Amino acid sequence: MVCLPAGGSPWLQRWGIVNRPPSWEQAADLCQRYGQAVDYLAIRLEQAETTDLSYRQGILATAQTGWATGGWVRVCQQGGWGFASFDGDDTLTVAIEEAIAAAKWLGQGRTRLAP
């Protein structure tokens, strides 16, 4: 089982990015819970700050900033791989279950991961 979070790493902290994505704790809990049932589980969380600017006839019409959270899940079970992406905290559990279902459906052998 492997969890690959995008936030909270020392590299990001060096650049002043210390806030973890809102789903950090949820992802860690789900990774432990579902990781027991498969050969390999990786969750990647991404949080991005967005800035939207629009001009009309040379005049600034809108200026907005915000945050977007999402990521992907990879699973391997008996040699079969499953993948699902998600956006927001509420779809992470669904993505994990979809990736596990795909991996189990495709898996017919033995999982061999590189050392």
N, C-alpha and C. Protein backbone atom coordinates (compact mmCIF):
# COMPACT_ATOMS: atom_id res chain seq x y z
N MET A 1 0.84 -1.17 0.00
CA MET A 1 0.00 0.00 0.00
C MET A 1 0.89 1.23 0.00
N VAL A 2 0.59 2.18 -0.86
CA VAL A 2 1.36 3.41 -0.96
C VAL A 2 0.39 4.57 -1.03
N CYS A 3 0.62 5.61 -0.23
CA CYS A 3 -0.16 6.83 -0.33
C CYS A 3 0.77 7.93 -0.80
N LEU A 4 0.38 8.64 -1.83
CA LEU A 4 1.20 9.70 -2.38
C LEU A 4 0.47 11.04 -2.29
N PRO A 5 0.50 11.70 -1.12
CA PRO A 5 -0.19 12.98 -1.01
C PRO A 5 0.61 14.10 -1.66
N ALA A 6 -0.06 15.07 -2.23
CA ALA A 6 0.62 16.19 -2.86
C ALA A 6 0.98 17.27 -1.85
N GLY A 7 0.25 17.37 -0.75
CA GLY A 7 0.50 18.43 0.23
C GLY A 7 1.27 17.93 1.43
N GLY A 8 1.86 18.85 2.18
CA GLY A 8 2.50 18.50 3.43
C GLY A 8 3.92 17.98 3.31
N SER A 9 4.51 17.95 2.13
CA SER A 9 5.87 17.43 1.99
C SER A 9 6.88 18.52 2.35
N PRO A 10 8.09 18.14 2.79
CA PRO A 10 9.12 19.14 3.10
C PRO A 10 9.46 20.03 1.91
N TRP A 11 9.41 19.47 0.69
CA TRP A 11 9.71 20.27 -0.49
C TRP A 11 8.70 21.40 -0.64
N LEU A 12 7.41 21.10 -0.45
CA LEU A 12 6.38 22.13 -0.55
C LEU A 12 6.49 23.13 0.59
N GLN A 13 6.86 22.66 1.78
CA GLN A 13 7.00 23.56 2.91
C GLN A 13 8.12 24.56 2.68
N ARG A 14 9.17 24.15 1.98
CA ARG A 14 10.27 25.07 1.66
C ARG A 14 9.79 26.25 0.84
N TRP A 15 8.78 26.01 0.01
CA TRP A 15 8.24 27.07 -0.85
C TRP A 15 7.09 27.82 -0.19
N GLY A 16 6.88 27.56 1.10
CA GLY A 16 5.85 28.28 1.82
C GLY A 16 4.46 27.68 1.71
N ILE A 17 4.36 26.50 1.13
CA ILE A 17 3.07 25.84 0.99
C ILE A 17 2.95 24.84 2.14
N VAL A 18 2.30 25.26 3.22
CA VAL A 18 2.24 24.41 4.39
C VAL A 18 0.83 23.87 4.65
N ASN A 19 -0.17 24.43 4.02
CA ASN A 19 -1.53 23.94 4.23
C ASN A 19 -1.76 22.67 3.44
N ARG A 20 -2.26 21.66 4.10
CA ARG A 20 -2.58 20.41 3.43
C ARG A 20 -3.93 20.55 2.76
N PRO A 21 -4.15 19.80 1.70
CA PRO A 21 -5.49 19.81 1.10
C PRO A 21 -6.51 19.38 2.13
N PRO A 22 -7.74 19.86 2.02
CA PRO A 22 -8.75 19.54 3.03
C PRO A 22 -8.96 18.04 3.22
N SER A 23 -8.67 17.23 2.23
CA SER A 23 -8.96 15.80 2.32
C SER A 23 -7.75 14.97 2.75
N TRP A 24 -6.71 15.59 3.27
CA TRP A 24 -5.51 14.86 3.68
C TRP A 24 -5.83 13.76 4.69
N GLU A 25 -6.51 14.10 5.76
CA GLU A 25 -6.81 13.11 6.79
C GLU A 25 -7.76 12.05 6.24
N GLN A 26 -8.75 12.46 5.47
CA GLN A 26 -9.69 11.52 4.87
C GLN A 26 -8.96 10.54 3.95
N ALA A 27 -8.04 11.04 3.13
CA ALA A 27 -7.29 10.18 2.21
C ALA A 27 -6.42 9.20 2.97
N ALA A 28 -5.77 9.64 4.03
CA ALA A 28 -4.92 8.74 4.82
C ALA A 28 -5.76 7.64 5.46
N ASP A 29 -6.92 7.99 5.97
CA ASP A 29 -7.81 7.00 6.58
C ASP A 29 -8.30 5.99 5.54
N LEU A 30 -8.74 6.49 4.39
CA LEU A 30 -9.24 5.61 3.33
C LEU A 30 -8.12 4.74 2.76
N CYS A 31 -6.92 5.28 2.67
CA CYS A 31 -5.78 4.51 2.16
C CYS A 31 -5.49 3.32 3.06
N GLN A 32 -5.53 3.54 4.37
CA GLN A 32 -5.30 2.44 5.29
C GLN A 32 -6.44 1.43 5.24
N ARG A 33 -7.68 1.92 5.18
CA ARG A 33 -8.84 1.03 5.21
C ARG A 33 -8.92 0.17 3.96
N TYR A 34 -8.83 0.79 2.78
CA TYR A 34 -8.96 0.05 1.53
C TYR A 34 -7.66 -0.65 1.12
N GLY A 35 -6.52 -0.15 1.58
CA GLY A 35 -5.24 -0.74 1.22
C GLY A 35 -5.05 -2.15 1.72
N GLN A 36 -5.79 -2.55 2.73
CA GLN A 36 -5.70 -3.90 3.27
C GLN A 36 -6.28 -4.93 2.31
N ALA A 37 -7.16 -4.49 1.39
CA ALA A 37 -7.87 -5.42 0.52
C ALA A 37 -7.24 -5.58 -0.86
N VAL A 38 -6.17 -4.82 -1.16
CA VAL A 38 -5.56 -4.87 -2.49
C VAL A 38 -4.05 -4.98 -2.36
N ASP A 39 -3.39 -5.30 -3.48
CA ASP A 39 -1.94 -5.44 -3.47
C ASP A 39 -1.23 -4.09 -3.48
N TYR A 40 -1.81 -3.09 -4.12
CA TYR A 40 -1.19 -1.77 -4.25
C TYR A 40 -2.28 -0.73 -4.33
N LEU A 41 -2.13 0.36 -3.59
CA LEU A 41 -3.07 1.47 -3.63
C LEU A 41 -2.30 2.76 -3.52
N ALA A 42 -2.51 3.66 -4.46
CA ALA A 42 -1.87 4.98 -4.43
C ALA A 42 -2.95 6.03 -4.61
N ILE A 43 -2.91 7.03 -3.74
CA ILE A 43 -3.83 8.16 -3.84
C ILE A 43 -2.97 9.41 -4.00
N ARG A 44 -3.29 10.20 -4.99
CA ARG A 44 -2.60 11.47 -5.18
C ARG A 44 -3.62 12.59 -5.01
N LEU A 45 -3.32 13.49 -4.11
CA LEU A 45 -4.16 14.65 -3.89
C LEU A 45 -3.51 15.87 -4.51
N GLU A 46 -4.30 16.70 -5.12
CA GLU A 46 -3.79 17.93 -5.70
C GLU A 46 -4.67 19.09 -5.27
N GLN A 47 -4.03 20.18 -4.90
CA GLN A 47 -4.75 21.39 -4.58
C GLN A 47 -4.08 22.52 -5.34
N ALA A 48 -4.87 23.26 -6.07
CA ALA A 48 -4.31 24.33 -6.90
C ALA A 48 -5.05 25.63 -6.64
N GLU A 49 -4.31 26.69 -6.59
CA GLU A 49 -4.93 28.01 -6.49
C GLU A 49 -5.14 28.52 -7.91
N THR A 50 -6.32 29.02 -8.16
CA THR A 50 -6.64 29.52 -9.49
C THR A 50 -6.86 31.03 -9.45
N THR A 51 -6.49 31.68 -10.52
CA THR A 51 -6.76 33.10 -10.70
C THR A 51 -7.36 33.28 -12.08
N ASP A 52 -8.54 33.86 -12.12
CA ASP A 52 -9.23 34.11 -13.39
C ASP A 52 -9.37 35.60 -13.62
N LEU A 53 -8.88 36.05 -14.75
CA LEU A 53 -9.02 37.45 -15.15
C LEU A 53 -9.69 37.50 -16.51
N SER A 54 -10.63 38.41 -16.66
CA SER A 54 -11.23 38.58 -17.99
C SER A 54 -11.33 40.07 -18.30
N TYR A 55 -11.00 40.37 -19.54
CA TYR A 55 -11.04 41.75 -20.01
C TYR A 55 -12.07 41.87 -21.13
N ARG A 56 -12.77 42.97 -21.16
CA ARG A 56 -13.69 43.28 -22.26
C ARG A 56 -13.37 44.68 -22.77
N GLN A 57 -13.02 44.72 -24.01
CA GLN A 57 -12.67 45.98 -24.66
C GLN A 57 -11.58 46.71 -23.88
N GLY A 58 -10.59 45.95 -23.40
CA GLY A 58 -9.44 46.53 -22.72
C GLY A 58 -9.68 46.91 -21.27
N ILE A 59 -10.86 46.59 -20.73
CA ILE A 59 -11.18 46.93 -19.34
C ILE A 59 -11.34 45.63 -18.55
N LEU A 60 -10.76 45.60 -17.37
CA LEU A 60 -10.87 44.42 -16.51
C LEU A 60 -12.34 44.23 -16.11
N ALA A 61 -12.91 43.10 -16.50
CA ALA A 61 -14.33 42.82 -16.22
C ALA A 61 -14.49 42.01 -14.94
N THR A 62 -13.65 40.98 -14.75
CA THR A 62 -13.72 40.15 -13.55
C THR A 62 -12.31 39.75 -13.12
N ALA A 63 -12.16 39.61 -11.82
CA ALA A 63 -10.92 39.11 -11.24
C ALA A 63 -11.32 38.24 -10.06
N GLN A 64 -11.01 36.93 -10.15
CA GLN A 64 -11.41 35.98 -9.12
C GLN A 64 -10.25 35.06 -8.79
N THR A 65 -10.18 34.65 -7.53
CA THR A 65 -9.23 33.63 -7.13
C THR A 65 -10.01 32.54 -6.39
N GLY A 66 -9.45 31.35 -6.38
CA GLY A 66 -10.10 30.24 -5.70
C GLY A 66 -9.17 29.06 -5.58
N TRP A 67 -9.68 27.98 -5.01
CA TRP A 67 -8.93 26.75 -4.83
C TRP A 67 -9.67 25.59 -5.47
N ALA A 68 -8.94 24.69 -6.10
CA ALA A 68 -9.50 23.48 -6.68
C ALA A 68 -8.79 22.28 -6.05
N THR A 69 -9.56 21.29 -5.63
CA THR A 69 -9.00 20.09 -5.01
C THR A 69 -9.46 18.86 -5.78
N GLY A 70 -8.55 17.94 -6.00
CA GLY A 70 -8.89 16.71 -6.70
C GLY A 70 -7.70 15.78 -6.69
N GLY A 71 -7.70 14.82 -7.60
CA GLY A 71 -6.58 13.90 -7.69
C GLY A 71 -6.94 12.62 -8.40
N TRP A 72 -6.17 11.56 -8.13
CA TRP A 72 -6.41 10.27 -8.77
C TRP A 72 -6.09 9.13 -7.81
N VAL A 73 -6.61 7.96 -8.18
CA VAL A 73 -6.39 6.73 -7.41
C VAL A 73 -5.91 5.65 -8.37
N ARG A 74 -4.84 4.94 -8.01
CA ARG A 74 -4.37 3.77 -8.77
C ARG A 74 -4.39 2.56 -7.84
N VAL A 75 -4.85 1.44 -8.39
CA VAL A 75 -4.95 0.21 -7.61
C VAL A 75 -4.45 -0.95 -8.47
N CYS A 76 -3.76 -1.88 -7.83
CA CYS A 76 -3.38 -3.13 -8.50
C CYS A 76 -3.82 -4.29 -7.61
N GLN A 77 -4.50 -5.25 -8.22
CA GLN A 77 -4.94 -6.44 -7.50
C GLN A 77 -4.81 -7.64 -8.43
N GLN A 78 -4.05 -8.62 -8.02
CA GLN A 78 -3.81 -9.85 -8.80
C GLN A 78 -3.39 -9.53 -10.23
N GLY A 79 -2.52 -8.54 -10.39
CA GLY A 79 -1.98 -8.18 -11.70
C GLY A 79 -2.84 -7.25 -12.52
N GLY A 80 -4.04 -6.94 -12.08
CA GLY A 80 -4.92 -6.03 -12.81
C GLY A 80 -4.85 -4.63 -12.22
N TRP A 81 -4.82 -3.62 -13.11
CA TRP A 81 -4.71 -2.23 -12.68
C TRP A 81 -6.04 -1.52 -12.85
N GLY A 82 -6.36 -0.67 -11.88
CA GLY A 82 -7.54 0.17 -11.95
C GLY A 82 -7.15 1.62 -11.68
N PHE A 83 -7.85 2.55 -12.30
CA PHE A 83 -7.56 3.97 -12.16
C PHE A 83 -8.87 4.74 -12.11
N ALA A 84 -8.91 5.78 -11.30
CA ALA A 84 -10.06 6.68 -11.26
C ALA A 84 -9.57 8.05 -10.81
N SER A 85 -10.19 9.09 -11.34
CA SER A 85 -9.87 10.45 -10.90
C SER A 85 -11.06 11.00 -10.14
N PHE A 86 -10.82 12.04 -9.37
CA PHE A 86 -11.88 12.65 -8.57
C PHE A 86 -11.64 14.14 -8.43
N ASP A 87 -12.71 14.86 -8.13
CA ASP A 87 -12.59 16.28 -7.83
C ASP A 87 -13.42 16.57 -6.58
N GLY A 88 -12.75 17.01 -5.56
CA GLY A 88 -13.42 17.29 -4.30
C GLY A 88 -13.37 16.11 -3.36
N ASP A 89 -13.59 16.40 -2.07
CA ASP A 89 -13.51 15.38 -1.03
C ASP A 89 -14.60 14.33 -1.13
N ASP A 90 -15.79 14.74 -1.55
CA ASP A 90 -16.93 13.83 -1.51
C ASP A 90 -16.87 12.73 -2.55
N THR A 91 -16.01 12.84 -3.55
CA THR A 91 -15.93 11.81 -4.58
C THR A 91 -14.71 10.90 -4.43
N LEU A 92 -13.90 11.10 -3.41
CA LEU A 92 -12.71 10.28 -3.21
C LEU A 92 -13.06 8.82 -2.92
N THR A 93 -14.01 8.58 -2.05
CA THR A 93 -14.41 7.21 -1.72
C THR A 93 -14.94 6.49 -2.95
N VAL A 94 -15.73 7.18 -3.75
CA VAL A 94 -16.28 6.59 -4.98
C VAL A 94 -15.14 6.24 -5.94
N ALA A 95 -14.16 7.12 -6.07
CA ALA A 95 -13.02 6.86 -6.97
C ALA A 95 -12.22 5.65 -6.50
N ILE A 96 -12.00 5.51 -5.21
CA ILE A 96 -11.27 4.35 -4.69
C ILE A 96 -12.03 3.07 -5.01
N GLU A 97 -13.32 3.07 -4.77
CA GLU A 97 -14.13 1.87 -5.02
C GLU A 97 -14.17 1.53 -6.51
N GLU A 98 -14.23 2.54 -7.38
CA GLU A 98 -14.22 2.28 -8.83
C GLU A 98 -12.88 1.71 -9.27
N ALA A 99 -11.78 2.25 -8.77
CA ALA A 99 -10.45 1.75 -9.14
C ALA A 99 -10.25 0.32 -8.65
N ILE A 100 -10.72 0.03 -7.44
CA ILE A 100 -10.61 -1.33 -6.91
C ILE A 100 -11.44 -2.30 -7.74
N ALA A 101 -12.66 -1.91 -8.10
CA ALA A 101 -13.53 -2.78 -8.90
C ALA A 101 -12.89 -3.07 -10.26
N ALA A 102 -12.30 -2.05 -10.89
CA ALA A 102 -11.66 -2.25 -12.20
C ALA A 102 -10.46 -3.19 -12.07
N ALA A 103 -9.64 -2.98 -11.03
CA ALA A 103 -8.45 -3.82 -10.84
C ALA A 103 -8.84 -5.27 -10.58
N LYS A 104 -9.86 -5.48 -9.77
CA LYS A 104 -10.29 -6.84 -9.48
C LYS A 104 -10.91 -7.51 -10.70
N TRP A 105 -11.60 -6.73 -11.51
CA TRP A 105 -12.22 -7.28 -12.72
C TRP A 105 -11.15 -7.70 -13.73
N LEU A 106 -10.07 -6.90 -13.83
CA LEU A 106 -9.00 -7.19 -14.78
C LEU A 106 -7.99 -8.20 -14.25
N GLY A 107 -7.82 -8.26 -12.94
CA GLY A 107 -6.78 -9.11 -12.35
C GLY A 107 -7.08 -10.59 -12.47
N GLN A 108 -6.12 -11.30 -13.04
CA GLN A 108 -6.27 -12.74 -13.20
C GLN A 108 -5.01 -13.49 -12.82
N GLY A 109 -4.04 -12.76 -12.34
CA GLY A 109 -2.77 -13.43 -12.05
C GLY A 109 -2.18 -12.97 -10.74
N ARG A 110 -0.92 -12.66 -10.79
CA ARG A 110 -0.16 -12.28 -9.62
C ARG A 110 0.40 -10.88 -9.83
N THR A 111 0.35 -10.07 -8.80
CA THR A 111 0.92 -8.73 -8.87
C THR A 111 2.43 -8.80 -8.69
N ARG A 112 3.15 -8.20 -9.62
CA ARG A 112 4.61 -8.11 -9.52
C ARG A 112 4.99 -6.64 -9.63
N LEU A 113 5.40 -6.07 -8.53
CA LEU A 113 5.82 -4.67 -8.50
C LEU A 113 7.35 -4.60 -8.47
N ALA A 114 7.90 -3.60 -9.11
CA ALA A 114 9.35 -3.41 -9.09
C ALA A 114 9.80 -3.11 -7.68
N PRO A 115 11.00 -3.57 -7.30
CA PRO A 115 11.50 -3.31 -5.93
C PRO A 115 11.81 -1.85 -5.72
